[in-house]
N, C-alpha and C. Protein backbone atom coordinates (compact mmCIF):
# COMPACT_ATOMS: atom_id res chain seq x y z
N MET A 1 -67.09 -5.34 102.73
CA MET A 1 -68.22 -6.10 102.23
C MET A 1 -68.93 -5.32 101.16
N GLY A 2 -69.52 -6.05 100.24
CA GLY A 2 -70.40 -5.45 99.26
C GLY A 2 -69.68 -4.94 98.05
N GLY A 3 -70.48 -4.39 97.17
CA GLY A 3 -69.98 -3.89 95.91
C GLY A 3 -69.74 -2.41 95.95
N ASP A 4 -69.45 -1.89 94.78
CA ASP A 4 -69.19 -0.48 94.57
C ASP A 4 -70.49 0.31 94.69
N HIS A 5 -70.37 1.57 95.10
CA HIS A 5 -71.55 2.42 95.22
C HIS A 5 -71.42 3.66 94.36
N GLY A 6 -70.61 3.59 93.29
CA GLY A 6 -70.48 4.69 92.35
C GLY A 6 -71.72 4.81 91.49
N VAL A 7 -71.78 5.86 90.68
CA VAL A 7 -72.96 6.13 89.85
C VAL A 7 -73.26 4.96 88.92
N ASP A 8 -72.24 4.43 88.24
CA ASP A 8 -72.45 3.29 87.34
C ASP A 8 -73.02 2.09 88.09
N SER A 9 -72.50 1.84 89.28
CA SER A 9 -72.98 0.71 90.07
C SER A 9 -74.41 0.94 90.53
N ILE A 10 -74.73 2.15 90.92
CA ILE A 10 -76.09 2.46 91.36
C ILE A 10 -77.08 2.23 90.21
N ILE A 11 -76.69 2.66 89.01
CA ILE A 11 -77.55 2.42 87.84
C ILE A 11 -77.73 0.92 87.62
N LEU A 12 -76.64 0.15 87.72
CA LEU A 12 -76.72 -1.30 87.57
C LEU A 12 -77.64 -1.90 88.63
N TYR A 13 -77.51 -1.46 89.87
CA TYR A 13 -78.35 -1.98 90.95
C TYR A 13 -79.83 -1.69 90.68
N VAL A 14 -80.13 -0.48 90.20
CA VAL A 14 -81.52 -0.12 89.89
C VAL A 14 -82.05 -1.01 88.77
N LEU A 15 -81.23 -1.22 87.73
CA LEU A 15 -81.65 -2.08 86.62
C LEU A 15 -81.85 -3.53 87.07
N LEU A 16 -80.95 -4.03 87.92
CA LEU A 16 -81.10 -5.38 88.45
C LEU A 16 -82.38 -5.49 89.28
N GLY A 17 -82.61 -4.47 90.11
CA GLY A 17 -83.82 -4.45 90.93
C GLY A 17 -85.08 -4.41 90.08
N ALA A 18 -85.05 -3.60 89.02
CA ALA A 18 -86.20 -3.51 88.13
C ALA A 18 -86.44 -4.84 87.42
N THR A 19 -85.37 -5.48 86.97
CA THR A 19 -85.49 -6.78 86.31
C THR A 19 -86.10 -7.80 87.26
N ALA A 20 -85.58 -7.87 88.46
CA ALA A 20 -86.11 -8.80 89.45
C ALA A 20 -87.56 -8.45 89.78
N GLY A 21 -87.87 -7.16 89.83
CA GLY A 21 -89.24 -6.73 90.11
C GLY A 21 -90.21 -7.17 89.04
N VAL A 22 -89.81 -7.05 87.78
CA VAL A 22 -90.67 -7.50 86.68
C VAL A 22 -90.91 -9.00 86.79
N PHE A 23 -89.84 -9.77 86.99
CA PHE A 23 -90.00 -11.22 87.12
C PHE A 23 -90.81 -11.59 88.36
N SER A 24 -90.65 -10.83 89.42
CA SER A 24 -91.41 -11.09 90.64
C SER A 24 -92.90 -10.86 90.41
N GLY A 25 -93.23 -9.74 89.80
CA GLY A 25 -94.63 -9.45 89.52
C GLY A 25 -95.22 -10.40 88.49
N LEU A 26 -94.43 -10.78 87.51
CA LEU A 26 -94.91 -11.63 86.43
C LEU A 26 -94.99 -13.09 86.81
N LEU A 27 -93.95 -13.60 87.50
CA LEU A 27 -93.86 -15.03 87.78
C LEU A 27 -93.80 -15.39 89.26
N GLY A 28 -93.75 -14.39 90.12
CA GLY A 28 -93.66 -14.68 91.55
C GLY A 28 -92.26 -15.06 91.99
N ILE A 29 -91.25 -14.70 91.19
CA ILE A 29 -89.86 -14.99 91.53
C ILE A 29 -89.09 -13.68 91.56
N GLY A 30 -87.91 -13.69 92.06
CA GLY A 30 -87.14 -12.44 92.06
C GLY A 30 -85.83 -12.55 92.80
N GLY A 31 -85.88 -12.36 94.12
CA GLY A 31 -84.65 -12.31 94.91
C GLY A 31 -83.76 -13.51 94.74
N GLY A 32 -84.29 -14.68 95.03
CA GLY A 32 -83.45 -15.87 94.97
C GLY A 32 -83.08 -16.30 93.58
N LEU A 33 -84.02 -16.24 92.69
CA LEU A 33 -83.79 -16.77 91.36
C LEU A 33 -83.11 -15.79 90.42
N ILE A 34 -83.38 -14.53 90.57
CA ILE A 34 -82.85 -13.52 89.65
C ILE A 34 -81.70 -12.73 90.28
N LEU A 35 -81.97 -12.13 91.43
CA LEU A 35 -80.98 -11.22 92.01
C LEU A 35 -79.74 -11.91 92.55
N VAL A 36 -79.89 -13.04 93.22
CA VAL A 36 -78.71 -13.69 93.80
C VAL A 36 -77.67 -14.02 92.73
N PRO A 37 -78.06 -14.72 91.66
CA PRO A 37 -77.04 -14.99 90.63
C PRO A 37 -76.47 -13.72 90.00
N MET A 38 -77.31 -12.72 89.76
CA MET A 38 -76.82 -11.49 89.15
C MET A 38 -75.84 -10.76 90.06
N LEU A 39 -76.12 -10.74 91.36
CA LEU A 39 -75.22 -10.07 92.29
C LEU A 39 -73.89 -10.80 92.40
N VAL A 40 -73.92 -12.12 92.28
CA VAL A 40 -72.68 -12.89 92.32
C VAL A 40 -71.90 -12.70 91.02
N LEU A 41 -72.57 -12.87 89.89
CA LEU A 41 -71.89 -12.85 88.59
C LEU A 41 -71.54 -11.45 88.09
N LEU A 42 -72.45 -10.50 88.24
CA LEU A 42 -72.23 -9.17 87.68
C LEU A 42 -71.60 -8.18 88.65
N VAL A 43 -71.93 -8.33 89.93
CA VAL A 43 -71.45 -7.37 90.93
C VAL A 43 -70.22 -7.88 91.67
N GLY A 44 -70.08 -9.21 91.76
CA GLY A 44 -68.93 -9.78 92.43
C GLY A 44 -69.11 -10.04 93.91
N LEU A 45 -70.37 -10.05 94.38
CA LEU A 45 -70.61 -10.39 95.78
C LEU A 45 -70.40 -11.88 95.97
N THR A 46 -70.10 -12.28 97.19
CA THR A 46 -70.07 -13.70 97.51
C THR A 46 -71.51 -14.20 97.56
N GLN A 47 -71.67 -15.52 97.57
CA GLN A 47 -73.01 -16.09 97.66
C GLN A 47 -73.72 -15.61 98.93
N GLN A 48 -72.99 -15.61 100.05
CA GLN A 48 -73.60 -15.16 101.30
C GLN A 48 -73.98 -13.69 101.25
N GLN A 49 -73.13 -12.85 100.67
CA GLN A 49 -73.45 -11.42 100.56
C GLN A 49 -74.67 -11.20 99.68
N ALA A 50 -74.75 -11.93 98.57
CA ALA A 50 -75.89 -11.78 97.67
C ALA A 50 -77.18 -12.23 98.35
N GLN A 51 -77.12 -13.35 99.04
CA GLN A 51 -78.31 -13.85 99.73
C GLN A 51 -78.73 -12.91 100.85
N GLY A 52 -77.78 -12.44 101.63
CA GLY A 52 -78.11 -11.51 102.72
C GLY A 52 -78.69 -10.21 102.19
N THR A 53 -78.14 -9.72 101.09
CA THR A 53 -78.62 -8.48 100.50
C THR A 53 -80.05 -8.63 99.98
N THR A 54 -80.34 -9.74 99.30
CA THR A 54 -81.69 -9.92 98.76
C THR A 54 -82.71 -10.24 99.85
N LEU A 55 -82.28 -10.82 100.94
CA LEU A 55 -83.22 -11.08 102.05
C LEU A 55 -83.75 -9.79 102.64
N ILE A 56 -82.98 -8.72 102.53
CA ILE A 56 -83.45 -7.42 103.02
C ILE A 56 -84.73 -7.03 102.27
N LEU A 57 -84.81 -7.41 100.99
CA LEU A 57 -86.02 -7.10 100.22
C LEU A 57 -87.26 -7.77 100.80
N LEU A 58 -87.09 -8.91 101.46
CA LEU A 58 -88.23 -9.60 102.06
C LEU A 58 -88.71 -8.91 103.34
N THR A 59 -87.85 -8.15 103.97
CA THR A 59 -88.22 -7.53 105.23
C THR A 59 -88.86 -6.16 105.05
N ALA A 60 -88.75 -5.62 103.86
CA ALA A 60 -89.34 -4.31 103.59
C ALA A 60 -90.48 -4.51 102.57
N PRO A 61 -91.36 -3.55 102.48
CA PRO A 61 -92.54 -3.72 101.61
C PRO A 61 -92.29 -3.44 100.13
N PHE A 62 -91.16 -3.90 99.59
CA PHE A 62 -90.84 -3.61 98.20
C PHE A 62 -91.78 -4.31 97.22
N GLY A 63 -92.32 -5.44 97.61
CA GLY A 63 -93.24 -6.16 96.74
C GLY A 63 -94.70 -5.86 97.03
N LEU A 64 -94.95 -4.86 97.85
CA LEU A 64 -96.32 -4.56 98.30
C LEU A 64 -97.26 -4.26 97.14
N LEU A 65 -96.85 -3.45 96.18
CA LEU A 65 -97.75 -3.11 95.08
C LEU A 65 -98.10 -4.33 94.23
N ALA A 66 -97.12 -5.19 93.99
CA ALA A 66 -97.39 -6.41 93.24
C ALA A 66 -98.33 -7.32 94.02
N ALA A 67 -98.06 -7.48 95.31
CA ALA A 67 -98.92 -8.32 96.15
C ALA A 67 -100.34 -7.77 96.20
N LEU A 68 -100.47 -6.46 96.31
CA LEU A 68 -101.78 -5.82 96.34
C LEU A 68 -102.53 -6.07 95.03
N THR A 69 -101.83 -6.00 93.92
CA THR A 69 -102.45 -6.26 92.62
C THR A 69 -103.00 -7.68 92.56
N TYR A 70 -102.20 -8.65 93.01
CA TYR A 70 -102.66 -10.04 93.02
C TYR A 70 -103.84 -10.21 93.97
N TYR A 71 -103.77 -9.59 95.13
CA TYR A 71 -104.85 -9.70 96.13
C TYR A 71 -106.15 -9.10 95.58
N GLN A 72 -106.07 -7.92 95.00
CA GLN A 72 -107.26 -7.26 94.47
C GLN A 72 -107.87 -8.04 93.31
N SER A 73 -107.07 -8.84 92.63
CA SER A 73 -107.56 -9.66 91.52
C SER A 73 -108.04 -11.03 91.99
N GLY A 74 -107.97 -11.27 93.31
CA GLY A 74 -108.43 -12.53 93.87
C GLY A 74 -107.43 -13.67 93.79
N TYR A 75 -106.16 -13.34 93.61
CA TYR A 75 -105.14 -14.38 93.45
C TYR A 75 -104.18 -14.48 94.62
N ALA A 76 -104.54 -13.98 95.77
CA ALA A 76 -103.67 -14.08 96.94
C ALA A 76 -104.52 -14.46 98.15
N ASP A 77 -104.08 -15.44 98.88
CA ASP A 77 -104.78 -15.92 100.07
C ASP A 77 -104.02 -15.44 101.30
N LEU A 78 -104.60 -14.47 102.02
CA LEU A 78 -103.91 -13.88 103.18
C LEU A 78 -103.70 -14.89 104.30
N LYS A 79 -104.65 -15.79 104.51
CA LYS A 79 -104.49 -16.78 105.58
C LYS A 79 -103.31 -17.71 105.29
N ILE A 80 -103.24 -18.20 104.06
CA ILE A 80 -102.12 -19.07 103.70
C ILE A 80 -100.81 -18.30 103.81
N ALA A 81 -100.80 -17.05 103.33
CA ALA A 81 -99.59 -16.23 103.39
C ALA A 81 -99.13 -16.04 104.83
N ALA A 82 -100.07 -15.79 105.73
CA ALA A 82 -99.72 -15.59 107.14
C ALA A 82 -99.13 -16.85 107.75
N ILE A 83 -99.74 -18.00 107.44
CA ILE A 83 -99.24 -19.27 107.98
C ILE A 83 -97.86 -19.58 107.38
N LEU A 84 -97.71 -19.38 106.06
CA LEU A 84 -96.41 -19.56 105.44
C LEU A 84 -95.37 -18.64 106.07
N GLY A 85 -95.80 -17.42 106.38
CA GLY A 85 -94.89 -16.44 106.98
C GLY A 85 -94.32 -16.90 108.31
N ILE A 86 -95.13 -17.58 109.09
CA ILE A 86 -94.66 -18.11 110.38
C ILE A 86 -93.54 -19.12 110.15
N GLY A 87 -93.79 -20.05 109.25
CA GLY A 87 -92.76 -21.04 108.93
C GLY A 87 -91.53 -20.40 108.31
N PHE A 88 -91.76 -19.44 107.42
CA PHE A 88 -90.65 -18.75 106.76
C PHE A 88 -89.78 -18.00 107.76
N PHE A 89 -90.41 -17.38 108.74
CA PHE A 89 -89.70 -16.62 109.77
C PHE A 89 -88.64 -17.49 110.45
N PHE A 90 -89.06 -18.66 110.90
CA PHE A 90 -88.13 -19.54 111.61
C PHE A 90 -87.22 -20.30 110.65
N GLY A 91 -87.76 -20.72 109.51
CA GLY A 91 -86.95 -21.43 108.52
C GLY A 91 -85.84 -20.57 107.96
N ALA A 92 -86.15 -19.31 107.68
CA ALA A 92 -85.13 -18.40 107.14
C ALA A 92 -84.02 -18.17 108.17
N PHE A 93 -84.39 -18.08 109.43
CA PHE A 93 -83.39 -17.91 110.48
C PHE A 93 -82.45 -19.12 110.53
N LEU A 94 -83.03 -20.31 110.51
CA LEU A 94 -82.23 -21.53 110.53
C LEU A 94 -81.36 -21.62 109.27
N GLY A 95 -81.93 -21.34 108.11
CA GLY A 95 -81.17 -21.38 106.87
C GLY A 95 -80.03 -20.39 106.85
N ALA A 96 -80.26 -19.20 107.37
CA ALA A 96 -79.21 -18.17 107.42
C ALA A 96 -78.07 -18.61 108.34
N LYS A 97 -78.41 -19.22 109.46
CA LYS A 97 -77.38 -19.71 110.39
C LYS A 97 -76.48 -20.73 109.69
N VAL A 98 -77.08 -21.61 108.90
CA VAL A 98 -76.30 -22.61 108.18
C VAL A 98 -75.49 -21.93 107.07
N ALA A 99 -76.14 -21.05 106.30
CA ALA A 99 -75.50 -20.42 105.13
C ALA A 99 -74.24 -19.64 105.49
N VAL A 100 -74.25 -18.95 106.61
CA VAL A 100 -73.08 -18.14 106.97
C VAL A 100 -71.95 -18.99 107.54
N SER A 101 -72.22 -20.28 107.76
CA SER A 101 -71.18 -21.13 108.35
C SER A 101 -70.55 -22.09 107.33
N VAL A 102 -71.04 -22.11 106.09
CA VAL A 102 -70.46 -23.01 105.09
C VAL A 102 -69.64 -22.20 104.09
N PRO A 103 -68.66 -22.83 103.47
CA PRO A 103 -67.85 -22.12 102.47
C PRO A 103 -68.69 -21.63 101.29
N ASN A 104 -68.29 -20.51 100.73
CA ASN A 104 -69.00 -19.90 99.61
C ASN A 104 -69.21 -20.88 98.46
N VAL A 105 -68.18 -21.63 98.10
CA VAL A 105 -68.28 -22.55 96.96
C VAL A 105 -69.31 -23.64 97.22
N VAL A 106 -69.41 -24.12 98.43
CA VAL A 106 -70.40 -25.14 98.78
C VAL A 106 -71.80 -24.55 98.66
N LEU A 107 -71.99 -23.36 99.18
CA LEU A 107 -73.30 -22.70 99.12
C LEU A 107 -73.72 -22.45 97.68
N GLN A 108 -72.77 -22.05 96.83
CA GLN A 108 -73.09 -21.84 95.41
C GLN A 108 -73.54 -23.14 94.76
N LYS A 109 -72.89 -24.25 95.08
CA LYS A 109 -73.26 -25.54 94.51
C LYS A 109 -74.65 -25.96 94.98
N VAL A 110 -74.93 -25.80 96.26
CA VAL A 110 -76.25 -26.15 96.79
C VAL A 110 -77.33 -25.29 96.13
N PHE A 111 -77.04 -24.00 95.97
CA PHE A 111 -77.97 -23.08 95.31
C PHE A 111 -78.24 -23.54 93.88
N GLY A 112 -77.19 -23.88 93.15
CA GLY A 112 -77.33 -24.33 91.77
C GLY A 112 -78.14 -25.61 91.66
N VAL A 113 -77.90 -26.56 92.55
CA VAL A 113 -78.66 -27.82 92.55
C VAL A 113 -80.14 -27.53 92.83
N ALA A 114 -80.42 -26.65 93.77
CA ALA A 114 -81.81 -26.30 94.09
C ALA A 114 -82.51 -25.70 92.86
N LEU A 115 -81.82 -24.82 92.15
CA LEU A 115 -82.40 -24.22 90.94
C LEU A 115 -82.65 -25.29 89.88
N LEU A 116 -81.71 -26.21 89.72
CA LEU A 116 -81.88 -27.29 88.73
C LEU A 116 -83.04 -28.19 89.07
N VAL A 117 -83.18 -28.55 90.34
CA VAL A 117 -84.27 -29.43 90.76
C VAL A 117 -85.62 -28.77 90.45
N VAL A 118 -85.75 -27.50 90.79
CA VAL A 118 -87.00 -26.79 90.52
C VAL A 118 -87.24 -26.69 89.01
N ALA A 119 -86.20 -26.37 88.26
CA ALA A 119 -86.33 -26.25 86.81
C ALA A 119 -86.77 -27.56 86.17
N VAL A 120 -86.15 -28.66 86.57
CA VAL A 120 -86.53 -29.97 86.00
C VAL A 120 -87.96 -30.31 86.37
N TYR A 121 -88.33 -30.06 87.61
CA TYR A 121 -89.71 -30.34 88.04
C TYR A 121 -90.70 -29.54 87.20
N LEU A 122 -90.45 -28.26 87.02
CA LEU A 122 -91.37 -27.42 86.25
C LEU A 122 -91.42 -27.85 84.78
N LEU A 123 -90.27 -28.22 84.24
CA LEU A 123 -90.25 -28.62 82.84
C LEU A 123 -90.96 -29.96 82.61
N LEU A 124 -90.91 -30.85 83.57
CA LEU A 124 -91.49 -32.17 83.41
C LEU A 124 -92.94 -32.27 83.92
N SER A 125 -93.42 -31.28 84.64
CA SER A 125 -94.80 -31.35 85.17
C SER A 125 -95.79 -31.03 84.07
N LYS A 126 -97.00 -31.49 84.27
CA LYS A 126 -98.05 -31.28 83.25
C LYS A 126 -98.63 -29.94 83.40
């Protein structure tokens, strides 16, 4: 499982992480929108491997400094985040159970459709 762990790959992983981090701090996106496609296309992970790898970022405090910056600026609601977290906890478990049981190509198509739906909505909203 997984990609290479040589020096060149480690540099690539750091750059991918930094890119996702910038987009996460700037736009509130990162793992799903930036890292998953990059890990599939550039690193050669399967859709499931890329998703599982990026979900690890959600379980550790990697976004803590960005979240703290938003909170200190008055742009983060801890109560809403906590309530969302409860739903996310169970929803992510259910989603992961489904994701590991479907073929990679199907999961990639579903992922692509989800990205398109969000993109069209954002482009067409006022």
